[in-house]
C-alpha atoms as a PDB file:
ATOM      1  CA  UNK A   1      16.050  22.192  37.637  1.00  0.00           C
ATOM      2  CA  UNK A   2      16.973  25.381  35.744  1.00  0.00           C
ATOM      3  CA  UNK A   3      17.523  26.053  32.042  1.00  0.00           C
ATOM      4  CA  UNK A   4      18.176  29.561  30.731  1.00  0.00           C
ATOM      5  CA  UNK A   5      15.288  31.623  32.119  1.00  0.00           C
ATOM      6  CA  UNK A   6      13.314  28.620  33.376  1.00  0.00           C
ATOM      7  CA  UNK A   7      13.276  26.923  36.757  1.00  0.00           C
ATOM      8  CA  UNK A   8      11.209  23.833  37.548  1.00  0.00           C
ATOM      9  CA  UNK A   9      10.627  22.844  41.190  1.00  0.00           C
ATOM     10  CA  UNK A  10       8.753  19.637  42.006  1.00  0.00           C
ATOM     11  CA  UNK A  11       7.234  18.970  45.434  1.00  0.00           C
ATOM     12  CA  UNK A  12       5.407  16.091  47.059  1.00  0.00           C
ATOM     13  CA  UNK A  13       1.975  17.637  47.416  1.00  0.00           C
ATOM     14  CA  UNK A  14      -0.236  20.736  47.371  1.00  0.00           C
ATOM     15  CA  UNK A  15       0.869  21.831  50.854  1.00  0.00           C
ATOM     16  CA  UNK A  16       4.510  21.974  49.792  1.00  0.00           C
ATOM     17  CA  UNK A  17       3.569  23.812  46.581  1.00  0.00           C
ATOM     18  CA  UNK A  18       1.701  26.458  48.590  1.00  0.00           C
ATOM     19  CA  UNK A  19       4.572  26.844  51.052  1.00  0.00           C
ATOM     20  CA  UNK A  20       7.103  27.368  48.272  1.00  0.00           C
ATOM     21  CA  UNK A  21       4.783  29.728  46.421  1.00  0.00           C
ATOM     22  CA  UNK A  22       4.422  31.758  49.634  1.00  0.00           C
ATOM     23  CA  UNK A  23       8.165  31.944  50.217  1.00  0.00           C
ATOM     24  CA  UNK A  24       8.781  32.932  46.586  1.00  0.00           C
ATOM     25  CA  UNK A  25       6.193  35.715  46.651  1.00  0.00           C
ATOM     26  CA  UNK A  26       7.492  36.861  50.053  1.00  0.00           C
ATOM     27  CA  UNK A  27      11.064  37.089  48.785  1.00  0.00           C
ATOM     28  CA  UNK A  28      10.094  38.856  45.583  1.00  0.00           C
ATOM     29  CA  UNK A  29       7.856  41.300  47.447  1.00  0.00           C
ATOM     30  CA  UNK A  30      10.651  42.145  49.852  1.00  0.00           C
ATOM     31  CA  UNK A  31      12.868  42.996  46.888  1.00  0.00           C
ATOM     32  CA  UNK A  32      10.416  45.467  45.355  1.00  0.00           C
ATOM     33  CA  UNK A  33       8.535  46.920  48.315  1.00  0.00           C
ATOM     34  CA  UNK A  34      11.142  49.645  48.584  1.00  0.00           C
ATOM     35  CA  UNK A  35       9.268  51.153  45.653  1.00  0.00           C
ATOM     36  CA  UNK A  36       6.048  53.138  46.219  1.00  0.00           C
ATOM     37  CA  UNK A  37       4.041  49.987  45.524  1.00  0.00           C
ATOM     38  CA  UNK A  38       4.260  46.468  44.213  1.00  0.00           C
ATOM     39  CA  UNK A  39       2.062  45.117  41.441  1.00  0.00           C
ATOM     40  CA  UNK A  40       1.072  41.479  41.359  1.00  0.00           C
ATOM     41  CA  UNK A  41      -1.024  40.087  38.547  1.00  0.00           C
ATOM     42  CA  UNK A  42      -2.763  36.871  39.402  1.00  0.00           C
ATOM     43  CA  UNK A  43      -4.498  34.391  37.125  1.00  0.00           C
ATOM     44  CA  UNK A  44      -7.943  33.242  38.189  1.00  0.00           C
ATOM     45  CA  UNK A  45      -7.313  29.492  38.033  1.00  0.00           C
ATOM     46  CA  UNK A  46      -4.562  29.885  40.621  1.00  0.00           C
ATOM     47  CA  UNK A  47      -6.824  31.704  43.102  1.00  0.00           C
ATOM     48  CA  UNK A  48      -6.993  29.027  45.771  1.00  0.00           C
ATOM     49  CA  UNK A  49      -3.248  28.398  45.748  1.00  0.00           C
ATOM     50  CA  UNK A  50      -2.418  32.100  45.842  1.00  0.00           C
ATOM     51  CA  UNK A  51      -4.863  32.872  48.644  1.00  0.00           C
ATOM     52  CA  UNK A  52      -3.542  29.969  50.713  1.00  0.00           C
ATOM     53  CA  UNK A  53      -0.025  31.296  50.128  1.00  0.00           C
ATOM     54  CA  UNK A  54      -1.023  34.816  51.156  1.00  0.00           C
ATOM     55  CA  UNK A  55      -2.027  33.557  54.609  1.00  0.00           C
ATOM     56  CA  UNK A  56       1.600  32.552  55.164  1.00  0.00           C
ATOM     57  CA  UNK A  57       3.131  35.885  54.129  1.00  0.00           C
ATOM     58  CA  UNK A  58       3.996  38.725  56.500  1.00  0.00           C
ATOM     59  CA  UNK A  59       3.817  42.046  54.680  1.00  0.00           C
ATOM     60  CA  UNK A  60       2.535  45.591  54.684  1.00  0.00           C
ATOM     61  CA  UNK A  61      -0.489  44.821  52.530  1.00  0.00           C
ATOM     62  CA  UNK A  62      -1.320  48.504  52.121  1.00  0.00           C
ATOM     63  CA  UNK A  63       1.674  48.758  49.777  1.00  0.00           C
ATOM     64  CA  UNK A  64       0.513  46.032  47.433  1.00  0.00           C
ATOM     65  CA  UNK A  65      -1.353  46.687  44.214  1.00  0.00           C
ATOM     66  CA  UNK A  66      -3.012  43.648  42.689  1.00  0.00           C
ATOM     67  CA  UNK A  67      -4.608  43.245  39.279  1.00  0.00           C
ATOM     68  CA  UNK A  68      -5.578  40.449  36.938  1.00  0.00           C
ATOM     69  CA  UNK A  69      -4.005  38.680  33.997  1.00  0.00           C
ATOM     70  CA  UNK A  70      -7.521  38.241  32.690  1.00  0.00           C
ATOM     71  CA  UNK A  71     -11.129  38.664  33.707  1.00  0.00           C
ATOM     72  CA  UNK A  72     -14.427  37.259  32.498  1.00  0.00           C
ATOM     73  CA  UNK A  73     -17.113  39.804  31.606  1.00  0.00           C
ATOM     74  CA  UNK A  74     -19.624  38.710  34.213  1.00  0.00           C
ATOM     75  CA  UNK A  75     -20.815  40.508  37.365  1.00  0.00           C
ATOM     76  CA  UNK A  76     -18.204  40.657  40.144  1.00  0.00           C
ATOM     77  CA  UNK A  77     -20.322  38.329  42.283  1.00  0.00           C
ATOM     78  CA  UNK A  78     -20.714  35.704  39.548  1.00  0.00           C
ATOM     79  CA  UNK A  79     -19.119  32.290  40.086  1.00  0.00           C
ATOM     80  CA  UNK A  80     -17.095  32.728  36.863  1.00  0.00           C
ATOM     81  CA  UNK A  81     -15.643  36.083  37.983  1.00  0.00           C
ATOM     82  CA  UNK A  82     -11.919  36.099  38.678  1.00  0.00           C
ATOM     83  CA  UNK A  83     -12.433  38.859  41.229  1.00  0.00           C
ATOM     84  CA  UNK A  84     -15.115  36.787  42.989  1.00  0.00           C
ATOM     85  CA  UNK A  85     -12.690  33.861  43.247  1.00  0.00           C
ATOM     86  CA  UNK A  86     -10.327  36.047  45.269  1.00  0.00           C
ATOM     87  CA  UNK A  87     -13.025  37.841  47.241  1.00  0.00           C
ATOM     88  CA  UNK A  88     -14.284  34.467  48.452  1.00  0.00           C
ATOM     89  CA  UNK A  89     -10.962  33.819  50.190  1.00  0.00           C
ATOM     90  CA  UNK A  90      -9.757  37.324  51.063  1.00  0.00           C
ATOM     91  CA  UNK A  91     -12.810  39.309  52.158  1.00  0.00           C
ATOM     92  CA  UNK A  92     -12.453  38.030  55.709  1.00  0.00           C
ATOM     93  CA  UNK A  93      -8.810  36.955  55.910  1.00  0.00           C
ATOM     94  CA  UNK A  94      -7.170  39.939  54.181  1.00  0.00           C
ATOM     95  CA  UNK A  95      -9.574  42.788  53.340  1.00  0.00           C
ATOM     96  CA  UNK A  96      -6.683  45.265  53.016  1.00  0.00           C
ATOM     97  CA  UNK A  97      -5.208  43.311  50.136  1.00  0.00           C
ATOM     98  CA  UNK A  98      -8.616  42.809  48.524  1.00  0.00           C
ATOM     99  CA  UNK A  99      -9.241  46.565  48.652  1.00  0.00           C
ATOM    100  CA  UNK A 100      -6.063  47.098  46.630  1.00  0.00           C
ATOM    101  CA  UNK A 101      -7.237  45.026  43.681  1.00  0.00           C
ATOM    102  CA  UNK A 102      -7.550  46.928  40.401  1.00  0.00           C
ATOM    103  CA  UNK A 103     -10.779  45.617  38.947  1.00  0.00           C
ATOM    104  CA  UNK A 104     -12.017  45.295  35.391  1.00  0.00           C
ATOM    105  CA  UNK A 105     -15.258  47.188  34.761  1.00  0.00           C
ATOM    106  CA  UNK A 106     -17.304  44.224  33.607  1.00  0.00           C
ATOM    107  CA  UNK A 107     -20.397  46.372  33.007  1.00  0.00           C
ATOM    108  CA  UNK A 108     -18.791  47.761  29.835  1.00  0.00           C
ATOM    109  CA  UNK A 109     -18.866  46.163  26.376  1.00  0.00           C
ATOM    110  CA  UNK A 110     -15.812  43.967  25.931  1.00  0.00           C
ATOM    111  CA  UNK A 111     -13.840  46.357  23.691  1.00  0.00           C
ATOM    112  CA  UNK A 112     -14.440  49.259  26.065  1.00  0.00           C
ATOM    113  CA  UNK A 113     -13.643  47.120  29.094  1.00  0.00           C
ATOM    114  CA  UNK A 114     -10.241  46.230  27.622  1.00  0.00           C
ATOM    115  CA  UNK A 115      -9.418  49.858  26.774  1.00  0.00           C
ATOM    116  CA  UNK A 116     -10.563  50.999  30.207  1.00  0.00           C
ATOM    117  CA  UNK A 117      -8.465  48.379  31.982  1.00  0.00           C
ATOM    118  CA  UNK A 118      -5.378  49.185  29.944  1.00  0.00           C
ATOM    119  CA  UNK A 119      -5.802  52.844  30.924  1.00  0.00           C
ATOM    120  CA  UNK A 120      -6.049  51.817  34.576  1.00  0.00           C
ATOM    121  CA  UNK A 121      -2.775  49.930  34.218  1.00  0.00           C
ATOM    122  CA  UNK A 122      -1.111  52.922  32.548  1.00  0.00           C
ATOM    123  CA  UNK A 123      -2.287  55.082  35.447  1.00  0.00           C
ATOM    124  CA  UNK A 124      -0.992  52.520  37.915  1.00  0.00           C
ATOM    125  CA  UNK A 125       2.442  52.453  36.310  1.00  0.00           C
ATOM    126  CA  UNK A 126       2.540  56.247  36.317  1.00  0.00           C
ATOM    127  CA  UNK A 127       1.326  56.871  39.864  1.00  0.00           C
ATOM    128  CA  UNK A 128       2.932  53.978  41.698  1.00  0.00           C
ATOM    129  CA  UNK A 129       6.012  53.201  39.619  1.00  0.00           C
ATOM    130  CA  UNK A 130       6.780  56.677  38.307  1.00  0.00           C
ATOM    131  CA  UNK A 131       6.698  55.455  34.713  1.00  0.00           C
ATOM    132  CA  UNK A 132       4.383  57.333  32.380  1.00  0.00           C
ATOM    133  CA  UNK A 133       5.806  56.506  28.940  1.00  0.00           C
ATOM    134  CA  UNK A 134       6.339  52.754  29.021  1.00  0.00           C
ATOM    135  CA  UNK A 135       5.968  50.771  25.817  1.00  0.00           C
ATOM    136  CA  UNK A 136       5.120  47.765  27.970  1.00  0.00           C
ATOM    137  CA  UNK A 137       4.092  47.571  31.621  1.00  0.00           C
ATOM    138  CA  UNK A 138       6.478  46.542  34.358  1.00  0.00           C
ATOM    139  CA  UNK A 139       4.787  43.961  36.566  1.00  0.00           C
ATOM    140  CA  UNK A 140       6.904  42.651  39.409  1.00  0.00           C
ATOM    141  CA  UNK A 141       5.307  39.200  39.427  1.00  0.00           C
ATOM    142  CA  UNK A 142       2.640  37.393  37.447  1.00  0.00           C
ATOM    143  CA  UNK A 143       1.124  34.257  38.924  1.00  0.00           C
ATOM    144  CA  UNK A 144      -0.456  32.379  36.049  1.00  0.00           C
ATOM    145  CA  UNK A 145      -2.605  29.322  35.631  1.00  0.00           C
ATOM    146  CA  UNK A 146      -2.233  26.552  33.058  1.00  0.00           C
ATOM    147  CA  UNK A 147      -5.235  25.168  31.184  1.00  0.00           C
ATOM    148  CA  UNK A 148      -5.395  21.532  30.092  1.00  0.00           C
ATOM    149  CA  UNK A 149      -5.326  22.811  26.499  1.00  0.00           C
ATOM    150  CA  UNK A 150      -2.199  24.894  27.135  1.00  0.00           C
ATOM    151  CA  UNK A 151      -3.918  28.257  27.504  1.00  0.00           C
ATOM    152  CA  UNK A 152      -2.974  30.843  30.095  1.00  0.00           C
ATOM    153  CA  UNK A 153      -4.786  34.044  31.078  1.00  0.00           C
ATOM    154  CA  UNK A 154      -7.362  34.170  28.252  1.00  0.00           C
ATOM    155  CA  UNK A 155      -4.840  33.407  25.527  1.00  0.00           C
ATOM    156  CA  UNK A 156      -5.975  30.240  23.789  1.00  0.00           C
ATOM    157  CA  UNK A 157      -4.220  27.951  21.297  1.00  0.00           C
ATOM    158  CA  UNK A 158      -4.356  29.142  17.661  1.00  0.00           C
ATOM    159  CA  UNK A 159      -6.351  32.265  18.588  1.00  0.00           C
ATOM    160  CA  UNK A 160      -5.526  35.492  16.682  1.00  0.00           C
ATOM    161  CA  UNK A 161      -4.896  37.300  19.981  1.00  0.00           C
ATOM    162  CA  UNK A 162      -1.581  35.468  20.211  1.00  0.00           C
ATOM    163  CA  UNK A 163      -0.345  37.808  17.467  1.00  0.00           C
ATOM    164  CA  UNK A 164      -1.414  41.038  19.189  1.00  0.00           C
ATOM    165  CA  UNK A 165       1.720  43.181  19.292  1.00  0.00           C
ATOM    166  CA  UNK A 166       0.697  46.675  20.444  1.00  0.00           C
ATOM    167  CA  UNK A 167      -1.919  46.450  23.209  1.00  0.00           C
ATOM    168  CA  UNK A 168      -1.307  45.704  26.885  1.00  0.00           C
ATOM    169  CA  UNK A 169      -4.855  44.449  27.329  1.00  0.00           C
ATOM    170  CA  UNK A 170      -7.002  42.927  24.591  1.00  0.00           C
ATOM    171  CA  UNK A 171     -10.682  41.978  24.328  1.00  0.00           C
ATOM    172  CA  UNK A 172     -11.829  38.500  23.390  1.00  0.00           C
ATOM    173  CA  UNK A 173     -15.474  37.816  22.520  1.00  0.00           C
ATOM    174  CA  UNK A 174     -15.117  34.285  21.142  1.00  0.00           C
ATOM    175  CA  UNK A 175     -13.349  32.446  23.931  1.00  0.00           C
ATOM    176  CA  UNK A 176     -13.468  28.676  23.325  1.00  0.00           C
ATOM    177  CA  UNK A 177     -14.009  28.314  27.060  1.00  0.00           C
ATOM    178  CA  UNK A 178     -17.106  29.956  28.550  1.00  0.00           C
ATOM    179  CA  UNK A 179     -17.909  32.674  29.229  1.00  0.00           C
ATOM    180  CA  UNK A 180     -17.039  33.912  25.718  1.00  0.00           C
ATOM    181  CA  UNK A 181     -16.363  37.600  26.535  1.00  0.00           C
ATOM    182  CA  UNK A 182     -13.184  38.426  28.479  1.00  0.00           C
ATOM    183  CA  UNK A 183     -10.263  40.822  28.688  1.00  0.00           C
ATOM    184  CA  UNK A 184      -6.707  39.552  28.893  1.00  0.00           C
ATOM    185  CA  UNK A 185      -3.118  40.664  29.062  1.00  0.00           C
ATOM    186  CA  UNK A 186      -1.344  40.140  25.754  1.00  0.00           C
ATOM    187  CA  UNK A 187       1.783  38.057  25.281  1.00  0.00           C
ATOM    188  CA  UNK A 188       4.153  41.064  25.068  1.00  0.00           C
ATOM    189  CA  UNK A 189       2.693  42.489  28.292  1.00  0.00           C
ATOM    190  CA  UNK A 190       3.256  39.148  30.023  1.00  0.00           C
ATOM    191  CA  UNK A 191       6.783  38.843  28.628  1.00  0.00           C
ATOM    192  CA  UNK A 192       7.674  42.205  30.199  1.00  0.00           C
ATOM    193  CA  UNK A 193       7.046  40.956  33.755  1.00  0.00           C
ATOM    194  CA  UNK A 194       9.931  40.560  36.150  1.00  0.00           C
ATOM    195  CA  UNK A 195       8.903  36.986  36.958  1.00  0.00           C
ATOM    196  CA  UNK A 196       6.178  34.584  35.822  1.00  0.00           C
ATOM    197  CA  UNK A 197       5.183  31.887  38.288  1.00  0.00           C
ATOM    198  CA  UNK A 198       3.129  28.824  37.355  1.00  0.00           C
ATOM    199  CA  UNK A 199       1.908  26.867  40.409  1.00  0.00           C
ATOM    200  CA  UNK A 200       0.303  23.636  39.180  1.00  0.00           C
ATOM    201  CA  UNK A 201      -1.248  20.721  41.070  1.00  0.00           C
ATOM    202  CA  UNK A 202      -3.069  17.541  40.107  1.00  0.00           C
ATOM    203  CA  UNK A 203      -2.680  14.701  37.647  1.00  0.00           C
ATOM    204  CA  UNK A 204      -5.125  16.355  35.245  1.00  0.00           C
ATOM    205  CA  UNK A 205      -2.313  18.698  34.172  1.00  0.00           C
ATOM    206  CA  UNK A 206       0.334  15.999  33.673  1.00  0.00           C
ATOM    207  CA  UNK A 207      -0.167  15.565  29.907  1.00  0.00           C
ATOM    208  CA  UNK A 208      -0.125  19.266  29.081  1.00  0.00           C
ATOM    209  CA  UNK A 209       2.922  19.896  31.272  1.00  0.00           C
ATOM    210  CA  UNK A 210       4.807  17.202  29.379  1.00  0.00           C
ATOM    211  CA  UNK A 211       3.946  18.912  26.080  1.00  0.00           C
ATOM    212  CA  UNK A 212       4.995  22.320  27.420  1.00  0.00           C
ATOM    213  CA  UNK A 213       8.162  21.436  29.284  1.00  0.00           C
ATOM    214  CA  UNK A 214       9.625  18.538  27.312  1.00  0.00           C
ATOM    215  CA  UNK A 215      11.508  19.272  24.066  1.00  0.00           C
ATOM    216  CA  UNK A 216       9.963  17.911  20.897  1.00  0.00           C
ATOM    217  CA  UNK A 217       6.645  16.949  22.437  1.00  0.00           C
ATOM    218  CA  UNK A 218       4.571  19.200  20.184  1.00  0.00           C
ATOM    219  CA  UNK A 219       3.838  22.058  22.563  1.00  0.00           C
ATOM    220  CA  UNK A 220       6.015  24.753  21.021  1.00  0.00           C
ATOM    221  CA  UNK A 221       3.093  26.858  19.772  1.00  0.00           C
ATOM    222  CA  UNK A 222       0.949  26.603  22.892  1.00  0.00           C
ATOM    223  CA  UNK A 223       0.348  29.935  24.676  1.00  0.00           C
ATOM    224  CA  UNK A 224       1.988  28.754  27.909  1.00  0.00           C
ATOM    225  CA  UNK A 225       5.074  27.586  26.027  1.00  0.00           C
ATOM    226  CA  UNK A 226       5.306  30.939  24.260  1.00  0.00           C
ATOM    227  CA  UNK A 227       5.156  32.705  27.623  1.00  0.00           C
ATOM    228  CA  UNK A 228       7.956  30.514  28.934  1.00  0.00           C
ATOM    229  CA  UNK A 229      10.170  30.921  25.876  1.00  0.00           C
ATOM    230  CA  UNK A 230      10.162  34.735  25.871  1.00  0.00           C
ATOM    231  CA  UNK A 231       9.697  35.704  29.526  1.00  0.00           C
ATOM    232  CA  UNK A 232      12.595  37.068  31.570  1.00  0.00           C
ATOM    233  CA  UNK A 233      12.222  34.583  34.398  1.00  0.00           C
ATOM    234  CA  UNK A 234       9.792  31.671  34.615  1.00  0.00           C
ATOM    235  CA  UNK A 235       9.290  29.531  37.714  1.00  0.00           C
ATOM    236  CA  UNK A 236       7.263  26.316  37.707  1.00  0.00           C
ATOM    237  CA  UNK A 237       6.068  25.043  41.094  1.00  0.00           C
ATOM    238  CA  UNK A 238       4.614  21.570  40.595  1.00  0.00           C
ATOM    239  CA  UNK A 239       3.301  18.805  42.807  1.00  0.00           C
ATOM    240  CA  UNK A 240       4.290  15.196  42.150  1.00  0.00           C
ATOM    241  CA  UNK A 241       0.997  14.339  40.438  1.00  0.00           C
ATOM    242  CA  UNK A 242       1.184  17.143  37.879  1.00  0.00           C
ATOM    243  CA  UNK A 243       4.852  16.279  37.263  1.00  0.00           C
ATOM    244  CA  UNK A 244       4.386  12.515  37.007  1.00  0.00           C
ATOM    245  CA  UNK A 245       5.210  12.428  33.281  1.00  0.00           C
ATOM    246  CA  UNK A 246       8.312  14.600  33.617  1.00  0.00           C
ATOM    247  CA  UNK A 247      10.497  12.197  35.576  1.00  0.00           C
ATOM    248  CA  UNK A 248      12.836  11.320  32.703  1.00  0.00           C
ATOM    249  CA  UNK A 249      13.379  15.012  31.926  1.00  0.00           C
ATOM    250  CA  UNK A 250      13.730  16.525  35.413  1.00  0.00           C
END
C-alpha cells in the first residue's frame, strides 16, 4: 500500500522479504550505476537481511561504495561493531563489496570520529558524485533498521540529536543502548537520501510498527516516524509477523 512518499509491502516470511529487498536494491542500483559510483548506507541491525539479499544480486561490485548510517565506537572486530556484522557475512562471499566500505575510525574520540567520518563522506560525494558543495549528502539508498523503541541509526527517542540541523554526522556519547559512544547520520542527512528502505521481520517489532505506521497511535515523535514523514521515498518491507497488528490499516 502507498501513501504520499510511503510504500508498505507485506510478505509471508523472511525469505520473501529478502527476495524483495534484493530486487529493490538491484533495480535501484541499475538506475544509478551509470554514475561513477553508487553509495549505499546500511544500518547495522539490518546486516543479515542485507547480506542475504546481496547474494541474490548480479552487479559490478567494484562500482559500489558502501558506508554506514551509524557505527559503534568499538574495535572493528568487536561483536557490537556494525562493520564486523557485515564482514562476518561478506569477507568470503563478496570481498570486493566489503573492500568498498567506507569505515568509521573507531580509534578516535567520539567527536573526532564524527568529524572525520563526515569529511570522508564529503570526499566521497566530491570524488564519486562530482558534488563538492552540497549542503546535504546525496545517498542513493539507505537501508535502515527499526529498534523496538522506535530508534533508527543511533537516533533515539527524545534525544537532543534529533534537533541537529547542520551536521551530516553527529557524535553521541550517551546512547541509551550500549555501547554508549557512537557516530550517526543526522535526520536531515537521512532525509536527503533518494530512498529509505526499512526491512523488518519478527513479531517483536509488531507493536512499534503499529505506533509508527498507524495514524493516531502515539508514534509521531519517534525517530523512525520522523524519517518517514520527511524522506523523499520510504519503502517498508515487512514479514507477516512484524505486520500482524497492521491488518486493519493495510
